[in-house]
């Protein structure tokens, strides 16, 4: 049964990553978009601190509410199909994740910041990725911040902030997994 479950997760991951392969020719443009939006990084302390404050102050309490702790997978599948099997099962997928985020984050900003409803849909779509419902509670205000930046400064600014926020969260997650003994996560 474990093989069937792993095969299922690998297939989901392939379906998730495949669209990014089709836009490989746009990678240079996306990197240029990131550079063009680099002034948006002035907002980076706001996004990262909001996420960290949520994790430190609220997530423990909110995750005890059963319905808000629901997740079909138990972790975000973006970190790889074996994301629940420890850091060394995640590390091989980090380059794929970074490449995928280069493209996915642009299209998220381009399509999901055009209206309040689309921003709400964007936050809830993360549930498909395996994140718990309680994570949507922090993604909503971040999505509205990205929407504000999108409306005021343009897609490249929102894209750059979103991408760099995600990269920092991945780096913090990997760093904490390597530096903090596993016994503290039980």
N, C-alpha and C. Protein backbone atom coordinates (compact mmCIF):
# COMPACT_ATOMS: atom_id res chain seq x y z
N UNK A 1 0.82 -1.20 0.00
CA UNK A 1 0.00 0.00 0.00
C UNK A 1 0.86 1.26 0.00
N UNK A 2 2.02 1.22 0.70
CA UNK A 2 2.92 2.37 0.74
C UNK A 2 3.42 2.70 -0.65
N UNK A 3 3.72 1.69 -1.46
CA UNK A 3 4.18 1.94 -2.82
C UNK A 3 3.07 2.62 -3.63
N UNK A 4 1.84 2.15 -3.47
CA UNK A 4 0.72 2.77 -4.19
C UNK A 4 0.54 4.22 -3.77
N UNK A 5 0.65 4.50 -2.47
CA UNK A 5 0.53 5.86 -1.97
C UNK A 5 1.66 6.73 -2.51
N UNK A 6 2.89 6.22 -2.48
CA UNK A 6 4.03 6.98 -3.00
C UNK A 6 3.89 7.22 -4.49
N UNK A 7 3.44 6.22 -5.23
CA UNK A 7 3.23 6.38 -6.67
C UNK A 7 2.17 7.45 -6.94
N UNK A 8 1.11 7.42 -6.16
CA UNK A 8 0.05 8.43 -6.28
C UNK A 8 0.61 9.83 -6.06
N UNK A 9 1.41 10.01 -4.99
CA UNK A 9 1.99 11.32 -4.70
C UNK A 9 2.98 11.75 -5.77
N UNK A 10 3.75 10.80 -6.30
CA UNK A 10 4.69 11.13 -7.38
C UNK A 10 3.92 11.59 -8.62
N UNK A 11 2.82 10.92 -8.94
CA UNK A 11 2.01 11.33 -10.09
C UNK A 11 1.42 12.73 -9.88
N UNK A 12 0.95 13.02 -8.68
CA UNK A 12 0.43 14.36 -8.39
C UNK A 12 1.54 15.39 -8.55
N UNK A 13 2.73 15.08 -8.07
CA UNK A 13 3.85 16.01 -8.17
C UNK A 13 4.22 16.24 -9.64
N UNK A 14 4.22 15.20 -10.43
CA UNK A 14 4.52 15.34 -11.86
C UNK A 14 3.48 16.23 -12.53
N UNK A 15 2.21 16.02 -12.21
CA UNK A 15 1.14 16.86 -12.77
C UNK A 15 1.33 18.31 -12.35
N UNK A 16 1.81 18.51 -11.14
CA UNK A 16 2.01 19.86 -10.61
C UNK A 16 3.20 20.56 -11.28
N UNK A 17 4.25 19.82 -11.55
CA UNK A 17 5.49 20.40 -12.07
C UNK A 17 5.45 20.55 -13.60
N UNK A 18 4.74 19.67 -14.28
CA UNK A 18 4.74 19.64 -15.74
C UNK A 18 4.43 20.98 -16.41
N UNK A 19 3.43 21.73 -15.95
CA UNK A 19 3.17 23.01 -16.63
C UNK A 19 4.40 23.94 -16.65
N UNK A 20 5.24 23.89 -15.62
CA UNK A 20 6.43 24.73 -15.60
C UNK A 20 7.43 24.32 -16.67
N UNK A 21 7.43 23.05 -17.05
CA UNK A 21 8.33 22.58 -18.10
C UNK A 21 7.93 23.18 -19.45
N UNK A 22 6.63 23.35 -19.65
CA UNK A 22 6.16 23.89 -20.92
C UNK A 22 6.48 25.37 -21.11
N UNK A 23 6.84 26.06 -20.04
CA UNK A 23 7.17 27.48 -20.15
C UNK A 23 8.66 27.74 -19.94
N UNK A 24 9.47 26.73 -20.18
CA UNK A 24 10.91 26.87 -19.96
C UNK A 24 11.49 28.04 -20.78
N UNK A 25 10.93 28.30 -21.96
CA UNK A 25 11.42 29.39 -22.79
C UNK A 25 11.18 30.76 -22.15
N UNK A 26 10.26 30.81 -21.18
CA UNK A 26 9.95 32.08 -20.52
C UNK A 26 10.80 32.31 -19.26
N UNK A 27 11.68 31.39 -18.94
CA UNK A 27 12.45 31.50 -17.70
C UNK A 27 13.29 32.77 -17.68
N UNK A 28 13.94 33.09 -18.77
CA UNK A 28 14.76 34.31 -18.82
C UNK A 28 13.88 35.55 -18.60
N UNK A 29 12.70 35.57 -19.19
CA UNK A 29 11.78 36.68 -19.00
C UNK A 29 11.33 36.76 -17.54
N UNK A 30 11.03 35.63 -16.93
CA UNK A 30 10.61 35.63 -15.52
C UNK A 30 11.72 36.16 -14.62
N UNK A 31 12.95 35.79 -14.90
CA UNK A 31 14.07 36.30 -14.11
C UNK A 31 14.21 37.80 -14.29
N UNK A 32 13.94 38.27 -15.50
CA UNK A 32 13.94 39.71 -15.77
C UNK A 32 12.80 40.39 -15.02
N UNK A 33 11.63 39.74 -14.99
CA UNK A 33 10.49 40.27 -14.22
C UNK A 33 10.84 40.41 -12.75
N UNK A 34 11.55 39.40 -12.21
CA UNK A 34 11.97 39.46 -10.81
C UNK A 34 12.87 40.67 -10.57
N UNK A 35 13.81 40.88 -11.47
CA UNK A 35 14.73 42.02 -11.34
C UNK A 35 13.95 43.34 -11.42
N UNK A 36 13.01 43.42 -12.36
CA UNK A 36 12.22 44.65 -12.53
C UNK A 36 11.37 44.97 -11.30
N UNK A 37 10.98 43.96 -10.56
CA UNK A 37 10.13 44.18 -9.39
C UNK A 37 10.89 44.22 -8.08
N UNK A 38 12.20 44.31 -8.15
CA UNK A 38 13.03 44.19 -6.94
C UNK A 38 12.78 45.29 -5.90
N UNK A 39 12.25 46.43 -6.31
CA UNK A 39 11.96 47.48 -5.33
C UNK A 39 10.85 47.07 -4.36
N UNK A 40 10.07 46.05 -4.73
CA UNK A 40 9.00 45.57 -3.85
C UNK A 40 9.55 44.87 -2.62
N UNK A 41 10.83 44.55 -2.64
CA UNK A 41 11.42 43.85 -1.50
C UNK A 41 11.44 44.70 -0.24
N UNK A 42 11.10 45.96 -0.37
CA UNK A 42 10.95 46.80 0.82
C UNK A 42 9.83 46.25 1.71
N UNK A 43 8.88 45.52 1.10
CA UNK A 43 7.78 44.93 1.85
C UNK A 43 8.11 43.55 2.42
N UNK A 44 9.27 43.01 2.09
CA UNK A 44 9.64 41.66 2.51
C UNK A 44 9.62 41.46 4.03
N UNK A 45 10.14 42.39 4.82
CA UNK A 45 10.05 42.18 6.27
C UNK A 45 8.60 42.05 6.76
N UNK A 46 7.68 42.72 6.10
CA UNK A 46 6.28 42.63 6.47
C UNK A 46 5.72 41.23 6.19
N UNK A 47 5.99 40.69 5.01
CA UNK A 47 5.44 39.38 4.66
C UNK A 47 6.07 38.26 5.50
N UNK A 48 7.37 38.30 5.63
CA UNK A 48 8.05 37.23 6.38
C UNK A 48 7.70 37.32 7.87
N UNK A 49 7.68 38.53 8.42
CA UNK A 49 7.35 38.64 9.85
C UNK A 49 5.89 38.25 10.10
N UNK A 50 4.99 38.56 9.19
CA UNK A 50 3.59 38.13 9.35
C UNK A 50 3.50 36.61 9.39
N UNK A 51 4.21 35.95 8.50
CA UNK A 51 4.20 34.49 8.49
C UNK A 51 4.83 33.92 9.76
N UNK A 52 5.96 34.46 10.15
CA UNK A 52 6.64 33.95 11.35
C UNK A 52 5.82 34.22 12.61
N UNK A 53 5.22 35.41 12.70
CA UNK A 53 4.38 35.71 13.86
C UNK A 53 3.17 34.78 13.92
N UNK A 54 2.60 34.49 12.78
CA UNK A 54 1.49 33.55 12.73
C UNK A 54 1.93 32.18 13.25
N UNK A 55 3.06 31.72 12.75
CA UNK A 55 3.57 30.41 13.16
C UNK A 55 3.89 30.38 14.65
N UNK A 56 4.56 31.42 15.13
CA UNK A 56 5.00 31.45 16.53
C UNK A 56 3.85 31.69 17.50
N UNK A 57 2.97 32.63 17.17
CA UNK A 57 1.94 33.05 18.13
C UNK A 57 0.58 32.38 17.96
N UNK A 58 0.18 32.10 16.74
CA UNK A 58 -1.19 31.66 16.52
C UNK A 58 -1.35 30.22 16.04
N UNK A 59 -0.40 29.71 15.30
CA UNK A 59 -0.63 28.42 14.64
C UNK A 59 -0.87 27.28 15.62
N UNK A 60 -0.19 27.28 16.75
CA UNK A 60 -0.38 26.20 17.72
C UNK A 60 -1.82 26.20 18.24
N UNK A 61 -2.33 27.38 18.56
CA UNK A 61 -3.71 27.49 19.06
C UNK A 61 -4.72 27.15 17.97
N UNK A 62 -4.55 27.75 16.80
CA UNK A 62 -5.52 27.58 15.71
C UNK A 62 -5.52 26.14 15.19
N UNK A 63 -4.35 25.50 15.17
CA UNK A 63 -4.30 24.13 14.65
C UNK A 63 -4.99 23.12 15.57
N UNK A 64 -5.33 23.54 16.79
CA UNK A 64 -6.06 22.66 17.70
C UNK A 64 -7.56 22.65 17.42
N UNK A 65 -8.01 23.54 16.58
CA UNK A 65 -9.40 23.55 16.16
C UNK A 65 -9.51 22.52 15.02
N UNK A 66 -10.19 21.41 15.28
CA UNK A 66 -10.13 20.28 14.34
C UNK A 66 -10.40 20.62 12.88
N UNK A 67 -11.42 21.39 12.59
CA UNK A 67 -11.75 21.67 11.19
C UNK A 67 -10.67 22.52 10.52
N UNK A 68 -10.02 23.39 11.28
CA UNK A 68 -8.98 24.24 10.71
C UNK A 68 -7.66 23.49 10.52
N UNK A 69 -7.53 22.35 11.14
CA UNK A 69 -6.31 21.56 11.01
C UNK A 69 -6.41 20.50 9.93
N UNK A 70 -7.51 20.48 9.20
CA UNK A 70 -7.69 19.47 8.15
C UNK A 70 -6.73 19.73 7.00
N UNK A 71 -6.15 18.66 6.50
CA UNK A 71 -5.28 18.69 5.34
C UNK A 71 -5.33 17.31 4.70
N UNK A 72 -5.52 17.25 3.42
CA UNK A 72 -5.64 15.94 2.77
C UNK A 72 -4.30 15.21 2.76
N UNK A 73 -3.21 15.94 2.89
CA UNK A 73 -1.89 15.34 2.78
C UNK A 73 -1.08 15.42 4.07
N UNK A 74 -1.21 16.53 4.77
CA UNK A 74 -0.44 16.70 6.01
C UNK A 74 0.77 17.59 5.83
N UNK A 75 1.10 17.95 4.61
CA UNK A 75 2.20 18.86 4.30
C UNK A 75 1.97 19.41 2.91
N UNK A 76 2.73 20.42 2.54
CA UNK A 76 2.60 21.04 1.23
C UNK A 76 3.36 20.19 0.22
N UNK A 77 2.67 19.65 -0.77
CA UNK A 77 3.30 18.76 -1.74
C UNK A 77 4.33 19.47 -2.61
N UNK A 78 4.35 20.79 -2.59
CA UNK A 78 5.35 21.52 -3.36
C UNK A 78 6.77 21.15 -2.92
N UNK A 79 6.92 20.71 -1.67
CA UNK A 79 8.25 20.33 -1.19
C UNK A 79 8.65 18.93 -1.65
N UNK A 80 7.78 18.28 -2.40
CA UNK A 80 8.10 16.97 -2.96
C UNK A 80 7.14 15.91 -2.47
N UNK A 81 7.04 14.82 -3.22
CA UNK A 81 6.09 13.78 -2.87
C UNK A 81 6.43 13.04 -1.57
N UNK A 82 7.66 13.22 -1.09
CA UNK A 82 8.06 12.54 0.15
C UNK A 82 8.32 13.54 1.26
N UNK A 83 7.61 14.66 1.23
CA UNK A 83 7.83 15.75 2.18
C UNK A 83 7.60 15.39 3.62
N UNK A 84 6.90 14.32 3.87
CA UNK A 84 6.65 13.90 5.25
C UNK A 84 7.70 12.90 5.75
N UNK A 85 8.73 12.67 4.97
CA UNK A 85 9.72 11.66 5.33
C UNK A 85 11.07 12.26 5.72
N UNK A 86 11.08 13.52 6.07
CA UNK A 86 12.31 14.14 6.58
C UNK A 86 13.02 15.00 5.57
N UNK A 87 13.97 15.75 6.08
CA UNK A 87 14.68 16.76 5.29
C UNK A 87 15.43 16.17 4.09
N UNK A 88 15.99 14.99 4.23
CA UNK A 88 16.76 14.43 3.13
C UNK A 88 15.87 13.87 2.01
N UNK A 89 14.59 13.75 2.29
CA UNK A 89 13.63 13.41 1.24
C UNK A 89 13.14 14.67 0.52
N UNK A 90 13.34 15.81 1.14
CA UNK A 90 12.90 17.09 0.58
C UNK A 90 14.00 17.73 -0.28
N UNK A 91 15.23 17.67 0.17
CA UNK A 91 16.34 18.38 -0.49
C UNK A 91 16.44 18.13 -2.00
N UNK A 92 16.24 16.89 -2.49
CA UNK A 92 16.33 16.70 -3.94
C UNK A 92 15.28 17.48 -4.73
N UNK A 93 14.19 17.86 -4.08
CA UNK A 93 13.11 18.56 -4.77
C UNK A 93 13.24 20.08 -4.70
N UNK A 94 14.17 20.58 -3.92
CA UNK A 94 14.32 22.04 -3.77
C UNK A 94 14.64 22.72 -5.10
N UNK A 95 15.58 22.23 -5.92
CA UNK A 95 15.80 22.91 -7.21
C UNK A 95 14.56 22.91 -8.11
N UNK A 96 13.83 21.81 -8.11
CA UNK A 96 12.59 21.75 -8.89
C UNK A 96 11.58 22.76 -8.35
N UNK A 97 11.49 22.84 -7.03
CA UNK A 97 10.57 23.79 -6.40
C UNK A 97 10.92 25.22 -6.77
N UNK A 98 12.18 25.57 -6.70
CA UNK A 98 12.60 26.94 -7.04
C UNK A 98 12.26 27.25 -8.49
N UNK A 99 12.59 26.31 -9.39
CA UNK A 99 12.27 26.52 -10.80
C UNK A 99 10.75 26.69 -10.99
N UNK A 100 9.99 25.83 -10.33
CA UNK A 100 8.54 25.89 -10.44
C UNK A 100 8.00 27.22 -9.91
N UNK A 101 8.53 27.67 -8.77
CA UNK A 101 8.06 28.93 -8.18
C UNK A 101 8.35 30.12 -9.09
N UNK A 102 9.45 30.07 -9.82
CA UNK A 102 9.77 31.15 -10.77
C UNK A 102 8.59 31.36 -11.71
N UNK A 103 7.98 30.29 -12.15
CA UNK A 103 6.88 30.40 -13.11
C UNK A 103 5.52 30.49 -12.42
N UNK A 104 5.28 29.65 -11.45
CA UNK A 104 3.96 29.60 -10.81
C UNK A 104 3.65 30.91 -10.10
N UNK A 105 4.63 31.47 -9.38
CA UNK A 105 4.35 32.72 -8.65
C UNK A 105 4.00 33.86 -9.59
N UNK A 106 4.62 33.90 -10.77
CA UNK A 106 4.26 34.94 -11.73
C UNK A 106 2.79 34.81 -12.14
N UNK A 107 2.40 33.60 -12.51
CA UNK A 107 1.03 33.40 -12.97
C UNK A 107 0.02 33.55 -11.84
N UNK A 108 0.41 33.22 -10.63
CA UNK A 108 -0.48 33.47 -9.49
C UNK A 108 -0.75 34.96 -9.37
N UNK A 109 0.30 35.76 -9.46
CA UNK A 109 0.11 37.21 -9.34
C UNK A 109 -0.65 37.77 -10.53
N UNK A 110 -0.32 37.29 -11.71
CA UNK A 110 -0.96 37.80 -12.92
C UNK A 110 -2.46 37.51 -12.95
N UNK A 111 -2.86 36.32 -12.53
CA UNK A 111 -4.27 35.92 -12.62
C UNK A 111 -5.08 36.14 -11.35
N UNK A 112 -4.47 36.00 -10.18
CA UNK A 112 -5.25 35.98 -8.96
C UNK A 112 -5.27 37.31 -8.19
N UNK A 113 -4.67 38.35 -8.70
CA UNK A 113 -4.70 39.64 -8.01
C UNK A 113 -5.62 40.64 -8.67
N UNK A 114 -6.34 40.21 -9.67
CA UNK A 114 -7.19 41.14 -10.42
C UNK A 114 -8.50 41.47 -9.71
N UNK A 115 -8.88 40.67 -8.71
CA UNK A 115 -10.10 40.95 -7.96
C UNK A 115 -9.98 40.35 -6.56
N UNK A 116 -10.83 40.81 -5.67
CA UNK A 116 -10.85 40.28 -4.31
C UNK A 116 -11.25 38.81 -4.33
N UNK A 117 -12.24 38.47 -5.15
CA UNK A 117 -12.68 37.07 -5.23
C UNK A 117 -11.54 36.16 -5.70
N UNK A 118 -10.81 36.59 -6.71
CA UNK A 118 -9.70 35.76 -7.19
C UNK A 118 -8.62 35.60 -6.13
N UNK A 119 -8.40 36.64 -5.34
CA UNK A 119 -7.41 36.55 -4.26
C UNK A 119 -7.87 35.53 -3.21
N UNK A 120 -9.15 35.53 -2.91
CA UNK A 120 -9.69 34.55 -1.95
C UNK A 120 -9.56 33.14 -2.53
N UNK A 121 -9.89 32.99 -3.79
CA UNK A 121 -9.76 31.68 -4.45
C UNK A 121 -8.30 31.22 -4.40
N UNK A 122 -7.36 32.13 -4.66
CA UNK A 122 -5.93 31.81 -4.61
C UNK A 122 -5.56 31.22 -3.25
N UNK A 123 -6.00 31.85 -2.18
CA UNK A 123 -5.66 31.37 -0.84
C UNK A 123 -6.21 29.97 -0.62
N UNK A 124 -7.46 29.75 -1.00
CA UNK A 124 -8.07 28.44 -0.78
C UNK A 124 -7.52 27.36 -1.72
N UNK A 125 -6.99 27.74 -2.86
CA UNK A 125 -6.37 26.76 -3.75
C UNK A 125 -5.15 26.08 -3.11
N UNK A 126 -4.57 26.72 -2.13
CA UNK A 126 -3.43 26.11 -1.44
C UNK A 126 -3.82 24.83 -0.71
N UNK A 127 -5.10 24.68 -0.41
CA UNK A 127 -5.57 23.45 0.22
C UNK A 127 -5.32 22.26 -0.71
N UNK A 128 -5.47 22.47 -2.01
CA UNK A 128 -5.19 21.41 -2.98
C UNK A 128 -3.72 20.98 -2.89
N UNK A 129 -2.85 21.91 -2.53
CA UNK A 129 -1.43 21.61 -2.41
C UNK A 129 -1.12 20.80 -1.15
N UNK A 130 -2.10 20.63 -0.28
CA UNK A 130 -1.90 19.83 0.91
C UNK A 130 -1.78 20.63 2.19
N UNK A 131 -1.79 21.95 2.11
CA UNK A 131 -1.66 22.74 3.33
C UNK A 131 -2.95 22.66 4.13
N UNK A 132 -2.82 22.79 5.44
CA UNK A 132 -3.99 22.76 6.32
C UNK A 132 -4.83 24.01 6.11
N UNK A 133 -6.11 23.88 6.41
CA UNK A 133 -7.05 25.00 6.24
C UNK A 133 -6.60 26.21 7.05
N UNK A 134 -6.00 26.00 8.23
CA UNK A 134 -5.60 27.14 9.06
C UNK A 134 -4.54 28.01 8.38
N UNK A 135 -3.78 27.46 7.46
CA UNK A 135 -2.77 28.25 6.75
C UNK A 135 -3.43 29.29 5.85
N UNK A 136 -4.64 28.99 5.37
CA UNK A 136 -5.37 29.96 4.54
C UNK A 136 -5.60 31.26 5.31
N UNK A 137 -5.71 31.16 6.63
CA UNK A 137 -5.95 32.35 7.46
C UNK A 137 -4.81 33.36 7.36
N UNK A 138 -3.60 32.90 7.15
CA UNK A 138 -2.48 33.84 6.97
C UNK A 138 -2.27 34.15 5.49
N UNK A 139 -2.64 33.23 4.61
CA UNK A 139 -2.48 33.50 3.18
C UNK A 139 -3.44 34.58 2.69
N UNK A 140 -4.62 34.66 3.28
CA UNK A 140 -5.58 35.69 2.85
C UNK A 140 -5.02 37.11 3.01
N UNK A 141 -4.55 37.50 4.21
CA UNK A 141 -4.01 38.87 4.31
C UNK A 141 -2.77 39.07 3.43
N UNK A 142 -1.94 38.04 3.29
CA UNK A 142 -0.78 38.18 2.39
C UNK A 142 -1.25 38.36 0.95
N UNK A 143 -2.26 37.61 0.56
CA UNK A 143 -2.81 37.76 -0.78
C UNK A 143 -3.35 39.16 -1.03
N UNK A 144 -3.99 39.73 -0.01
CA UNK A 144 -4.49 41.10 -0.16
C UNK A 144 -3.35 42.11 -0.21
N UNK A 145 -2.27 41.85 0.50
CA UNK A 145 -1.09 42.71 0.38
C UNK A 145 -0.51 42.61 -1.03
N UNK A 146 -0.37 41.39 -1.54
CA UNK A 146 0.12 41.22 -2.91
C UNK A 146 -0.82 41.91 -3.91
N UNK A 147 -2.12 41.85 -3.65
CA UNK A 147 -3.10 42.51 -4.52
C UNK A 147 -2.91 44.02 -4.49
N UNK A 148 -2.70 44.57 -3.30
CA UNK A 148 -2.46 46.00 -3.16
C UNK A 148 -1.22 46.40 -3.97
N UNK A 149 -0.15 45.62 -3.82
CA UNK A 149 1.09 45.92 -4.54
C UNK A 149 0.88 45.75 -6.04
N UNK A 150 0.15 44.73 -6.45
CA UNK A 150 -0.18 44.52 -7.85
C UNK A 150 -0.91 45.74 -8.42
N UNK A 151 -1.91 46.23 -7.68
CA UNK A 151 -2.70 47.37 -8.16
C UNK A 151 -1.90 48.66 -8.17
N UNK A 152 -1.04 48.85 -7.19
CA UNK A 152 -0.30 50.11 -7.07
C UNK A 152 0.96 50.14 -7.92
N UNK A 153 1.68 49.00 -8.00
CA UNK A 153 2.99 49.00 -8.66
C UNK A 153 3.09 48.07 -9.87
N UNK A 154 2.19 47.12 -10.00
CA UNK A 154 2.22 46.22 -11.15
C UNK A 154 2.57 44.79 -10.77
N UNK A 155 2.40 43.92 -11.75
CA UNK A 155 2.57 42.49 -11.54
C UNK A 155 3.99 42.11 -11.13
N UNK A 156 5.00 42.77 -11.70
CA UNK A 156 6.38 42.38 -11.39
C UNK A 156 6.72 42.62 -9.92
N UNK A 157 6.18 43.67 -9.34
CA UNK A 157 6.43 43.95 -7.93
C UNK A 157 5.78 42.88 -7.04
N UNK A 158 4.52 42.58 -7.33
CA UNK A 158 3.82 41.56 -6.54
C UNK A 158 4.49 40.20 -6.72
N UNK A 159 4.88 39.89 -7.94
CA UNK A 159 5.56 38.63 -8.26
C UNK A 159 6.88 38.51 -7.50
N UNK A 160 7.68 39.52 -7.54
CA UNK A 160 8.98 39.47 -6.87
C UNK A 160 8.82 39.28 -5.37
N UNK A 161 7.90 40.03 -4.78
CA UNK A 161 7.68 39.90 -3.34
C UNK A 161 7.17 38.50 -2.99
N UNK A 162 6.25 37.99 -3.76
CA UNK A 162 5.69 36.66 -3.54
C UNK A 162 6.79 35.59 -3.68
N UNK A 163 7.56 35.67 -4.74
CA UNK A 163 8.61 34.69 -4.99
C UNK A 163 9.67 34.70 -3.88
N UNK A 164 10.16 35.87 -3.54
CA UNK A 164 11.22 35.95 -2.52
C UNK A 164 10.68 35.54 -1.15
N UNK A 165 9.44 35.87 -0.86
CA UNK A 165 8.82 35.41 0.40
C UNK A 165 8.81 33.88 0.44
N UNK A 166 8.38 33.27 -0.66
CA UNK A 166 8.36 31.80 -0.72
C UNK A 166 9.75 31.20 -0.58
N UNK A 167 10.73 31.78 -1.23
CA UNK A 167 12.10 31.26 -1.15
C UNK A 167 12.62 31.38 0.28
N UNK A 168 12.34 32.49 0.94
CA UNK A 168 12.78 32.64 2.33
C UNK A 168 12.09 31.64 3.25
N UNK A 169 10.82 31.41 3.03
CA UNK A 169 10.09 30.43 3.86
C UNK A 169 10.66 29.03 3.63
N UNK A 170 10.97 28.69 2.40
CA UNK A 170 11.60 27.39 2.12
C UNK A 170 12.96 27.31 2.82
N UNK A 171 13.76 28.37 2.72
CA UNK A 171 15.08 28.39 3.35
C UNK A 171 14.96 28.29 4.87
N UNK A 172 14.03 29.02 5.46
CA UNK A 172 13.82 28.96 6.91
C UNK A 172 13.38 27.55 7.33
N UNK A 173 12.48 26.97 6.55
CA UNK A 173 12.00 25.62 6.87
C UNK A 173 13.13 24.61 6.81
N UNK A 174 13.93 24.67 5.76
CA UNK A 174 15.05 23.73 5.63
C UNK A 174 16.07 23.98 6.73
N UNK A 175 16.38 25.25 6.97
CA UNK A 175 17.35 25.59 8.01
C UNK A 175 16.90 25.13 9.38
N UNK A 176 15.62 25.34 9.68
CA UNK A 176 15.13 24.91 11.00
C UNK A 176 15.12 23.39 11.11
N UNK A 177 14.88 22.70 10.00
CA UNK A 177 14.91 21.24 10.02
C UNK A 177 16.32 20.72 10.29
N UNK A 178 17.30 21.43 9.79
CA UNK A 178 18.69 21.01 9.97
C UNK A 178 19.25 21.42 11.33
N UNK A 179 18.78 22.54 11.85
CA UNK A 179 19.36 23.10 13.09
C UNK A 179 18.62 22.71 14.36
N UNK A 180 17.32 22.50 14.25
CA UNK A 180 16.52 22.20 15.44
C UNK A 180 16.32 20.69 15.51
N UNK A 181 16.69 20.08 16.62
CA UNK A 181 16.51 18.62 16.74
C UNK A 181 15.05 18.22 16.56
N UNK A 182 14.86 17.05 15.94
CA UNK A 182 13.52 16.57 15.61
C UNK A 182 12.63 16.42 16.84
N UNK A 183 13.21 16.18 18.00
CA UNK A 183 12.41 15.98 19.21
C UNK A 183 11.56 17.19 19.55
N UNK A 184 11.95 18.39 19.09
CA UNK A 184 11.18 19.59 19.39
C UNK A 184 9.93 19.71 18.52
N UNK A 185 9.85 18.90 17.46
CA UNK A 185 8.70 18.96 16.58
C UNK A 185 7.64 17.93 16.96
N UNK A 186 7.88 17.14 17.99
CA UNK A 186 6.92 16.10 18.39
C UNK A 186 5.93 16.62 19.37
